[in-house]
Amino acid sequence: MSMNKKLKKELKDYPNDVVIFTNGAFLTPVKLANGKWGWVVSSFEDSSFYEGSEVNVNELWSDSAIELAKEDENEEEED
């Protein structure tokens, strides 16, 4: 059985248990709000960078993009 067929079967049978690796990151399938499935980075193998500077991606998360933006606005007010 080809790897693609094996992966498709595993995704069909156990969509929340499948994790694949891409360069530097592990991906997990997630059902999106529109009902489609997509791949989401679940963890990183090594350091992450933004505009050449290292960032701690574990500090950059939220349940929603709106909440993340609000947190960013609050940090700017404190500076």
N, C-alpha and C. Protein backbone atom coordinates (compact mmCIF):
# COMPACT_ATOMS: atom_id res chain seq x y z
N MET A 1 0.86 -1.18 0.00
CA MET A 1 0.00 0.00 0.00
C MET A 1 0.90 1.24 0.00
N SER A 2 0.59 2.21 -0.87
CA SER A 2 1.40 3.43 -0.94
C SER A 2 1.22 4.24 0.34
N MET A 3 2.18 5.11 0.62
CA MET A 3 2.11 5.96 1.83
C MET A 3 0.89 6.86 1.79
N ASN A 4 0.54 7.41 0.60
CA ASN A 4 -0.63 8.28 0.49
C ASN A 4 -1.91 7.52 0.82
N LYS A 5 -2.05 6.28 0.31
CA LYS A 5 -3.23 5.48 0.61
C LYS A 5 -3.29 5.14 2.09
N LYS A 6 -2.15 4.79 2.67
CA LYS A 6 -2.10 4.47 4.09
C LYS A 6 -2.51 5.67 4.93
N LEU A 7 -1.98 6.85 4.59
CA LEU A 7 -2.32 8.07 5.32
C LEU A 7 -3.80 8.39 5.18
N LYS A 8 -4.35 8.28 3.97
CA LYS A 8 -5.78 8.55 3.77
C LYS A 8 -6.64 7.61 4.61
N LYS A 9 -6.25 6.32 4.69
CA LYS A 9 -7.00 5.36 5.49
C LYS A 9 -6.94 5.75 6.97
N GLU A 10 -5.74 6.09 7.45
CA GLU A 10 -5.59 6.49 8.86
C GLU A 10 -6.39 7.75 9.16
N LEU A 11 -6.39 8.71 8.25
CA LEU A 11 -7.15 9.94 8.45
C LEU A 11 -8.64 9.66 8.52
N LYS A 12 -9.09 8.72 7.69
CA LYS A 12 -10.51 8.36 7.69
C LYS A 12 -10.89 7.67 9.00
N ASP A 13 -10.04 6.76 9.46
CA ASP A 13 -10.35 5.96 10.64
C ASP A 13 -10.07 6.70 11.96
N TYR A 14 -8.99 7.46 12.00
CA TYR A 14 -8.56 8.11 13.25
C TYR A 14 -8.05 9.53 12.99
N PRO A 15 -8.92 10.44 12.57
CA PRO A 15 -8.43 11.77 12.16
C PRO A 15 -7.71 12.55 13.26
N ASN A 16 -8.03 12.33 14.52
CA ASN A 16 -7.40 13.10 15.59
C ASN A 16 -6.10 12.49 16.09
N ASP A 17 -5.78 11.27 15.64
CA ASP A 17 -4.58 10.58 16.11
C ASP A 17 -3.42 10.66 15.13
N VAL A 18 -3.66 11.18 13.93
CA VAL A 18 -2.63 11.20 12.90
C VAL A 18 -1.78 12.46 13.04
N VAL A 19 -0.46 12.27 13.07
CA VAL A 19 0.49 13.39 13.09
C VAL A 19 1.53 13.08 12.03
N ILE A 20 1.82 14.06 11.18
CA ILE A 20 2.88 13.89 10.19
C ILE A 20 3.95 14.95 10.44
N PHE A 21 5.13 14.71 9.89
CA PHE A 21 6.24 15.62 10.06
C PHE A 21 6.56 16.30 8.75
N THR A 22 6.77 17.62 8.80
CA THR A 22 7.28 18.37 7.66
C THR A 22 8.56 19.05 8.14
N ASN A 23 9.28 19.72 7.30
CA ASN A 23 10.55 20.32 7.70
C ASN A 23 10.38 21.21 8.92
N GLY A 24 10.81 20.73 10.07
CA GLY A 24 10.83 21.54 11.28
C GLY A 24 9.55 21.57 12.09
N ALA A 25 8.49 20.86 11.65
CA ALA A 25 7.22 20.95 12.38
C ALA A 25 6.42 19.66 12.26
N PHE A 26 5.59 19.43 13.26
CA PHE A 26 4.65 18.31 13.24
C PHE A 26 3.27 18.87 12.93
N LEU A 27 2.53 18.20 12.04
CA LEU A 27 1.22 18.65 11.60
C LEU A 27 0.14 17.67 12.05
N THR A 28 -1.00 18.21 12.44
CA THR A 28 -2.14 17.42 12.87
C THR A 28 -3.37 17.88 12.09
N PRO A 29 -4.22 16.94 11.64
CA PRO A 29 -5.43 17.35 10.93
C PRO A 29 -6.45 17.94 11.89
N VAL A 30 -7.10 19.02 11.46
CA VAL A 30 -8.11 19.69 12.28
C VAL A 30 -9.30 20.02 11.39
N LYS A 31 -10.51 19.77 11.89
CA LYS A 31 -11.70 20.14 11.15
C LYS A 31 -11.94 21.63 11.33
N LEU A 32 -12.02 22.35 10.22
CA LEU A 32 -12.16 23.81 10.24
C LEU A 32 -13.62 24.22 10.37
N ALA A 33 -13.85 25.48 10.64
CA ALA A 33 -15.21 26.00 10.84
C ALA A 33 -16.08 25.80 9.61
N ASN A 34 -15.47 25.78 8.42
CA ASN A 34 -16.25 25.61 7.19
C ASN A 34 -16.55 24.13 6.89
N GLY A 35 -16.16 23.23 7.81
CA GLY A 35 -16.44 21.81 7.65
C GLY A 35 -15.35 21.04 6.92
N LYS A 36 -14.38 21.73 6.35
CA LYS A 36 -13.28 21.06 5.66
C LYS A 36 -12.18 20.73 6.66
N TRP A 37 -11.30 19.83 6.27
CA TRP A 37 -10.16 19.46 7.11
C TRP A 37 -8.91 20.16 6.59
N GLY A 38 -8.06 20.57 7.50
CA GLY A 38 -6.80 21.20 7.13
C GLY A 38 -5.71 20.75 8.09
N TRP A 39 -4.47 21.01 7.74
CA TRP A 39 -3.33 20.66 8.59
C TRP A 39 -2.93 21.86 9.43
N VAL A 40 -2.68 21.63 10.70
CA VAL A 40 -2.28 22.68 11.64
C VAL A 40 -0.98 22.23 12.30
N VAL A 41 -0.05 23.17 12.46
CA VAL A 41 1.20 22.84 13.16
C VAL A 41 0.87 22.59 14.63
N SER A 42 1.21 21.39 15.11
CA SER A 42 0.95 21.05 16.51
C SER A 42 2.18 21.23 17.38
N SER A 43 3.37 21.17 16.79
CA SER A 43 4.60 21.45 17.53
C SER A 43 5.75 21.67 16.55
N PHE A 44 6.80 22.29 17.05
CA PHE A 44 7.97 22.59 16.24
C PHE A 44 9.15 21.76 16.71
N GLU A 45 10.01 21.39 15.79
CA GLU A 45 11.18 20.60 16.12
C GLU A 45 12.31 21.48 16.68
N ASP A 46 12.38 22.70 16.22
CA ASP A 46 13.53 23.54 16.55
C ASP A 46 13.06 24.97 16.78
N SER A 47 13.95 25.90 16.80
CA SER A 47 13.65 27.31 17.03
C SER A 47 12.79 27.89 15.91
N SER A 48 12.04 28.94 16.23
CA SER A 48 11.22 29.65 15.25
C SER A 48 11.68 31.09 15.19
N PHE A 49 11.55 31.68 14.01
CA PHE A 49 12.05 33.04 13.80
C PHE A 49 11.02 33.91 13.12
N TYR A 50 11.03 35.20 13.45
CA TYR A 50 10.21 36.20 12.80
C TYR A 50 11.10 37.38 12.48
N GLU A 51 11.21 37.71 11.21
CA GLU A 51 12.06 38.81 10.73
C GLU A 51 13.47 38.69 11.28
N GLY A 52 13.99 37.47 11.30
CA GLY A 52 15.37 37.23 11.71
C GLY A 52 15.61 37.08 13.19
N SER A 53 14.62 37.34 14.03
CA SER A 53 14.78 37.21 15.48
C SER A 53 14.03 35.98 15.97
N GLU A 54 14.63 35.29 16.93
CA GLU A 54 13.99 34.10 17.49
C GLU A 54 12.77 34.50 18.31
N VAL A 55 11.69 33.74 18.17
CA VAL A 55 10.46 33.97 18.94
C VAL A 55 10.08 32.67 19.64
N ASN A 56 9.44 32.81 20.79
CA ASN A 56 8.93 31.66 21.53
C ASN A 56 7.48 31.46 21.13
N VAL A 57 7.23 30.50 20.24
CA VAL A 57 5.88 30.29 19.73
C VAL A 57 4.93 29.77 20.81
N ASN A 58 5.47 29.22 21.89
CA ASN A 58 4.62 28.75 22.98
C ASN A 58 3.94 29.90 23.71
N GLU A 59 4.48 31.10 23.59
CA GLU A 59 3.87 32.28 24.21
C GLU A 59 2.86 32.95 23.27
N LEU A 60 2.84 32.55 22.01
CA LEU A 60 2.00 33.18 21.00
C LEU A 60 0.82 32.29 20.65
N TRP A 61 -0.11 32.13 21.56
CA TRP A 61 -1.29 31.32 21.26
C TRP A 61 -2.49 31.89 21.98
N SER A 62 -3.63 31.57 21.46
CA SER A 62 -4.89 32.01 22.05
C SER A 62 -5.99 31.16 21.45
N ASP A 63 -7.16 31.18 22.08
CA ASP A 63 -8.29 30.45 21.54
C ASP A 63 -8.86 31.12 20.30
N SER A 64 -8.54 32.40 20.09
CA SER A 64 -9.03 33.08 18.90
C SER A 64 -8.07 34.19 18.50
N ALA A 65 -8.07 34.52 17.23
CA ALA A 65 -7.22 35.59 16.73
C ALA A 65 -7.61 36.93 17.35
N ILE A 66 -8.89 37.11 17.63
CA ILE A 66 -9.36 38.36 18.23
C ILE A 66 -8.76 38.54 19.62
N GLU A 67 -8.77 37.47 20.42
CA GLU A 67 -8.19 37.55 21.76
C GLU A 67 -6.69 37.80 21.69
N LEU A 68 -6.00 37.18 20.74
CA LEU A 68 -4.57 37.39 20.58
C LEU A 68 -4.29 38.85 20.24
N ALA A 69 -5.10 39.45 19.37
CA ALA A 69 -4.93 40.85 19.00
C ALA A 69 -5.17 41.75 20.21
N LYS A 70 -6.17 41.43 21.03
CA LYS A 70 -6.45 42.23 22.23
C LYS A 70 -5.28 42.18 23.19
N GLU A 71 -4.68 40.98 23.36
CA GLU A 71 -3.51 40.86 24.23
C GLU A 71 -2.38 41.74 23.73
N ASP A 72 -2.18 41.77 22.40
CA ASP A 72 -1.13 42.57 21.80
C ASP A 72 -1.39 44.06 22.05
N GLU A 73 -2.64 44.50 21.92
CA GLU A 73 -2.99 45.90 22.17
C GLU A 73 -2.71 46.27 23.63
N ASN A 74 -3.04 45.38 24.56
CA ASN A 74 -2.79 45.63 25.98
C ASN A 74 -1.30 45.74 26.27
N GLU A 75 -0.47 44.93 25.63
CA GLU A 75 0.97 45.02 25.83
C GLU A 75 1.51 46.35 25.33
N GLU A 76 1.00 46.83 24.19
CA GLU A 76 1.46 48.11 23.63
C GLU A 76 1.11 49.25 24.58
N GLU A 77 -0.07 49.19 25.22
CA GLU A 77 -0.46 50.24 26.16
C GLU A 77 0.45 50.27 27.38
N GLU A 78 0.94 49.09 27.82
CA GLU A 78 1.81 49.02 28.98
C GLU A 78 3.17 49.59 28.69
N ASP A 79 3.65 49.50 27.42
CA ASP A 79 4.98 49.98 27.05
C ASP A 79 4.96 51.47 27.08
